[in-house]
Amino acid sequence: MDNQDILERIKALVEEEHGLREGSQAAGAGAGAGAPDILRLQQVEEQLDQCWDLLRQRRAKKDYGENPDEAEVRPVSEVEGYQS
C-alpha cells in the first residue's frame, strides 16, 4: 500500500463517517443513532486514526532515508493511546 492508496482509503472512510453522522442527525436528536451505526462510526474513526498514523510513519521514514514500505499498521490500542 503506497501513500496514494492510503489517502484514497482515508477519503473513503471520511465519506462514510460523514454519511453515518448525517444519518444519526437525520434520525432526530431524540431518537439518536442505532447501536450498529454507533459501533460502525467508532470503527471508522479508529481505522482513520490508523491510516493517518501509517501515512505519518511512511512520510517520516522517507524523510529520514528509510524504506517507507517498512511502515506497519499499528494496533488501535496503540494509535488511540496517543496524546494530542
N, C-alpha and C. Protein backbone atom coordinates (compact mmCIF):
# COMPACT_ATOMS: atom_id res chain seq x y z
N MET A 1 0.86 -1.18 0.00
CA MET A 1 0.00 0.00 0.00
C MET A 1 0.90 1.23 0.00
N ASP A 2 0.73 2.09 -1.00
CA ASP A 2 1.54 3.31 -1.04
C ASP A 2 0.73 4.49 -0.49
N ASN A 3 1.37 5.66 -0.48
CA ASN A 3 0.72 6.84 0.10
C ASN A 3 -0.61 7.16 -0.59
N GLN A 4 -0.65 7.02 -1.91
CA GLN A 4 -1.88 7.32 -2.64
C GLN A 4 -3.00 6.36 -2.25
N ASP A 5 -2.66 5.09 -2.08
CA ASP A 5 -3.66 4.11 -1.63
C ASP A 5 -4.21 4.48 -0.25
N ILE A 6 -3.31 4.89 0.62
CA ILE A 6 -3.72 5.27 1.98
C ILE A 6 -4.62 6.50 1.93
N LEU A 7 -4.24 7.49 1.13
CA LEU A 7 -5.06 8.70 1.01
C LEU A 7 -6.44 8.39 0.44
N GLU A 8 -6.51 7.47 -0.51
CA GLU A 8 -7.81 7.07 -1.06
C GLU A 8 -8.65 6.35 -0.01
N ARG A 9 -8.01 5.53 0.81
CA ARG A 9 -8.72 4.85 1.91
C ARG A 9 -9.24 5.86 2.92
N ILE A 10 -8.41 6.86 3.22
CA ILE A 10 -8.82 7.92 4.15
C ILE A 10 -10.04 8.65 3.59
N LYS A 11 -10.00 8.98 2.31
CA LYS A 11 -11.12 9.69 1.69
C LYS A 11 -12.40 8.87 1.79
N ALA A 12 -12.30 7.57 1.51
CA ALA A 12 -13.48 6.71 1.58
C ALA A 12 -14.02 6.63 3.01
N LEU A 13 -13.13 6.53 3.98
CA LEU A 13 -13.55 6.46 5.38
C LEU A 13 -14.19 7.77 5.84
N VAL A 14 -13.63 8.90 5.41
CA VAL A 14 -14.19 10.20 5.77
C VAL A 14 -15.60 10.34 5.19
N GLU A 15 -15.78 9.90 3.95
CA GLU A 15 -17.12 9.95 3.34
C GLU A 15 -18.10 9.07 4.11
N GLU A 16 -17.64 7.88 4.51
CA GLU A 16 -18.52 7.01 5.30
C GLU A 16 -18.83 7.63 6.65
N GLU A 17 -17.82 8.22 7.27
CA GLU A 17 -18.02 8.87 8.57
C GLU A 17 -19.06 9.99 8.45
N HIS A 18 -18.94 10.81 7.42
CA HIS A 18 -19.90 11.89 7.23
C HIS A 18 -21.31 11.34 7.01
N GLY A 19 -21.41 10.27 6.23
CA GLY A 19 -22.71 9.65 6.00
C GLY A 19 -23.32 9.12 7.29
N LEU A 20 -22.51 8.49 8.11
CA LEU A 20 -23.00 7.97 9.39
C LEU A 20 -23.44 9.10 10.31
N ARG A 21 -22.65 10.17 10.34
CA ARG A 21 -23.02 11.31 11.20
C ARG A 21 -24.29 12.00 10.70
N GLU A 22 -24.41 12.16 9.39
CA GLU A 22 -25.62 12.77 8.83
C GLU A 22 -26.83 11.89 9.08
N GLY A 23 -26.64 10.58 8.99
CA GLY A 23 -27.74 9.66 9.25
C GLY A 23 -28.23 9.74 10.67
N SER A 24 -27.30 9.90 11.61
CA SER A 24 -27.71 9.99 13.01
C SER A 24 -28.40 11.32 13.28
N GLN A 25 -28.00 12.38 12.58
CA GLN A 25 -28.66 13.67 12.75
C GLN A 25 -30.04 13.65 12.13
N ALA A 26 -30.17 12.94 11.00
CA ALA A 26 -31.47 12.84 10.32
C ALA A 26 -32.47 12.06 11.17
N ALA A 27 -31.96 11.14 12.00
CA ALA A 27 -32.83 10.34 12.85
C ALA A 27 -33.48 11.19 13.93
N GLY A 28 -32.94 12.38 14.15
CA GLY A 28 -33.51 13.28 15.15
C GLY A 28 -32.73 13.19 16.44
N ALA A 29 -32.71 14.28 17.14
CA ALA A 29 -31.94 14.36 18.39
C ALA A 29 -32.49 13.40 19.44
N GLY A 30 -33.80 13.22 19.46
CA GLY A 30 -34.40 12.34 20.45
C GLY A 30 -34.14 10.87 20.16
N ALA A 31 -34.22 10.50 18.90
CA ALA A 31 -34.06 9.09 18.54
C ALA A 31 -32.59 8.68 18.56
N GLY A 32 -31.72 9.52 18.03
CA GLY A 32 -30.29 9.19 18.00
C GLY A 32 -29.99 8.08 17.02
N ALA A 33 -28.72 7.75 16.95
CA ALA A 33 -28.30 6.69 16.04
C ALA A 33 -28.52 5.34 16.70
N GLY A 34 -28.75 4.33 15.88
CA GLY A 34 -28.88 2.99 16.40
C GLY A 34 -27.53 2.45 16.81
N ALA A 35 -27.53 1.38 17.60
CA ALA A 35 -26.29 0.79 18.09
C ALA A 35 -25.35 0.37 16.95
N PRO A 36 -25.86 -0.23 15.86
CA PRO A 36 -24.94 -0.61 14.78
C PRO A 36 -24.25 0.60 14.16
N ASP A 37 -24.98 1.73 14.03
CA ASP A 37 -24.38 2.94 13.48
C ASP A 37 -23.30 3.50 14.40
N ILE A 38 -23.56 3.48 15.68
CA ILE A 38 -22.59 3.99 16.65
C ILE A 38 -21.34 3.12 16.65
N LEU A 39 -21.53 1.82 16.61
CA LEU A 39 -20.40 0.89 16.57
C LEU A 39 -19.60 1.09 15.29
N ARG A 40 -20.30 1.21 14.15
CA ARG A 40 -19.59 1.40 12.87
C ARG A 40 -18.86 2.73 12.87
N LEU A 41 -19.45 3.78 13.41
CA LEU A 41 -18.79 5.08 13.48
C LEU A 41 -17.50 4.98 14.29
N GLN A 42 -17.54 4.27 15.39
CA GLN A 42 -16.34 4.07 16.20
C GLN A 42 -15.28 3.32 15.40
N GLN A 43 -15.69 2.30 14.68
CA GLN A 43 -14.74 1.53 13.86
C GLN A 43 -14.12 2.40 12.77
N VAL A 44 -14.93 3.22 12.14
CA VAL A 44 -14.43 4.10 11.08
C VAL A 44 -13.43 5.09 11.66
N GLU A 45 -13.75 5.68 12.81
CA GLU A 45 -12.84 6.63 13.44
C GLU A 45 -11.50 5.97 13.80
N GLU A 46 -11.57 4.74 14.29
CA GLU A 46 -10.34 4.01 14.64
C GLU A 46 -9.52 3.70 13.39
N GLN A 47 -10.20 3.29 12.32
CA GLN A 47 -9.49 3.00 11.08
C GLN A 47 -8.86 4.26 10.49
N LEU A 48 -9.56 5.38 10.61
CA LEU A 48 -9.00 6.65 10.15
C LEU A 48 -7.73 6.98 10.93
N ASP A 49 -7.77 6.82 12.23
CA ASP A 49 -6.58 7.09 13.05
C ASP A 49 -5.42 6.19 12.63
N GLN A 50 -5.72 4.92 12.35
CA GLN A 50 -4.66 4.00 11.91
C GLN A 50 -4.10 4.41 10.56
N CYS A 51 -4.95 4.84 9.64
CA CYS A 51 -4.49 5.26 8.32
C CYS A 51 -3.61 6.51 8.42
N TRP A 52 -4.06 7.49 9.20
CA TRP A 52 -3.25 8.70 9.37
C TRP A 52 -1.91 8.38 10.01
N ASP A 53 -1.91 7.48 10.98
CA ASP A 53 -0.67 7.08 11.64
C ASP A 53 0.26 6.40 10.63
N LEU A 54 -0.27 5.51 9.83
CA LEU A 54 0.54 4.81 8.83
C LEU A 54 1.12 5.80 7.82
N LEU A 55 0.31 6.75 7.40
CA LEU A 55 0.79 7.76 6.45
C LEU A 55 1.91 8.59 7.07
N ARG A 56 1.77 8.98 8.33
CA ARG A 56 2.83 9.74 9.02
C ARG A 56 4.10 8.91 9.14
N GLN A 57 3.95 7.63 9.46
CA GLN A 57 5.12 6.74 9.55
C GLN A 57 5.84 6.67 8.21
N ARG A 58 5.08 6.47 7.14
CA ARG A 58 5.68 6.35 5.80
C ARG A 58 6.42 7.63 5.42
N ARG A 59 5.81 8.77 5.69
CA ARG A 59 6.44 10.05 5.35
C ARG A 59 7.70 10.27 6.17
N ALA A 60 7.66 9.92 7.44
CA ALA A 60 8.84 10.08 8.30
C ALA A 60 9.97 9.17 7.83
N LYS A 61 9.66 7.94 7.51
CA LYS A 61 10.69 7.02 7.02
C LYS A 61 11.33 7.56 5.74
N LYS A 62 10.51 8.07 4.85
CA LYS A 62 11.05 8.62 3.60
C LYS A 62 11.94 9.82 3.89
N ASP A 63 11.50 10.71 4.78
CA ASP A 63 12.28 11.90 5.13
C ASP A 63 13.63 11.55 5.72
N TYR A 64 13.72 10.42 6.39
CA TYR A 64 14.97 10.02 7.04
C TYR A 64 15.73 8.96 6.24
N GLY A 65 15.37 8.84 4.96
CA GLY A 65 16.11 7.95 4.08
C GLY A 65 15.85 6.47 4.30
N GLU A 66 14.78 6.15 5.00
CA GLU A 66 14.43 4.75 5.23
C GLU A 66 13.37 4.32 4.22
N ASN A 67 13.10 3.04 4.16
CA ASN A 67 12.12 2.49 3.24
C ASN A 67 10.72 2.67 3.81
N PRO A 68 9.88 3.49 3.16
CA PRO A 68 8.51 3.71 3.67
C PRO A 68 7.67 2.44 3.68
N ASP A 69 8.03 1.46 2.84
CA ASP A 69 7.27 0.22 2.80
C ASP A 69 7.46 -0.62 4.06
N GLU A 70 8.40 -0.25 4.90
CA GLU A 70 8.60 -0.96 6.17
C GLU A 70 7.66 -0.48 7.27
N ALA A 71 6.93 0.60 7.00
CA ALA A 71 5.94 1.09 7.97
C ALA A 71 4.82 0.07 8.08
N GLU A 72 4.30 -0.10 9.27
CA GLU A 72 3.24 -1.07 9.52
C GLU A 72 2.08 -0.43 10.25
N VAL A 73 0.90 -0.97 9.99
CA VAL A 73 -0.29 -0.51 10.69
C VAL A 73 -0.14 -0.91 12.16
N ARG A 74 -0.32 0.07 13.03
CA ARG A 74 -0.23 -0.21 14.47
C ARG A 74 -1.62 -0.56 15.01
N PRO A 75 -1.64 -1.32 16.10
CA PRO A 75 -2.94 -1.69 16.69
C PRO A 75 -3.71 -0.45 17.16
N VAL A 76 -5.03 -0.58 17.13
CA VAL A 76 -5.89 0.52 17.57
C VAL A 76 -5.52 0.96 18.98
N SER A 77 -5.24 0.00 19.86
CA SER A 77 -4.92 0.34 21.24
C SER A 77 -3.70 1.26 21.33
N GLU A 78 -2.76 1.10 20.43
CA GLU A 78 -1.57 1.95 20.43
C GLU A 78 -1.87 3.31 19.81
N VAL A 79 -2.53 3.30 18.67
CA VAL A 79 -2.83 4.55 17.96
C VAL A 79 -3.78 5.42 18.78
N GLU A 80 -4.78 4.81 19.39
CA GLU A 80 -5.76 5.56 20.16
C GLU A 80 -5.18 6.08 21.48
N GLY A 81 -4.04 5.57 21.89
CA GLY A 81 -3.43 5.98 23.15
C GLY A 81 -2.55 7.21 23.03
N TYR A 82 -2.37 7.74 21.80
CA TYR A 82 -1.51 8.90 21.61
C TYR A 82 -2.14 10.14 22.22
N GLN A 83 -1.29 11.01 22.69
CA GLN A 83 -1.75 12.29 23.21
C GLN A 83 -1.78 13.30 22.07
N SER A 84 -2.75 14.18 22.07
CA SER A 84 -2.84 15.22 21.02
C SER A 84 -1.84 16.31 21.25
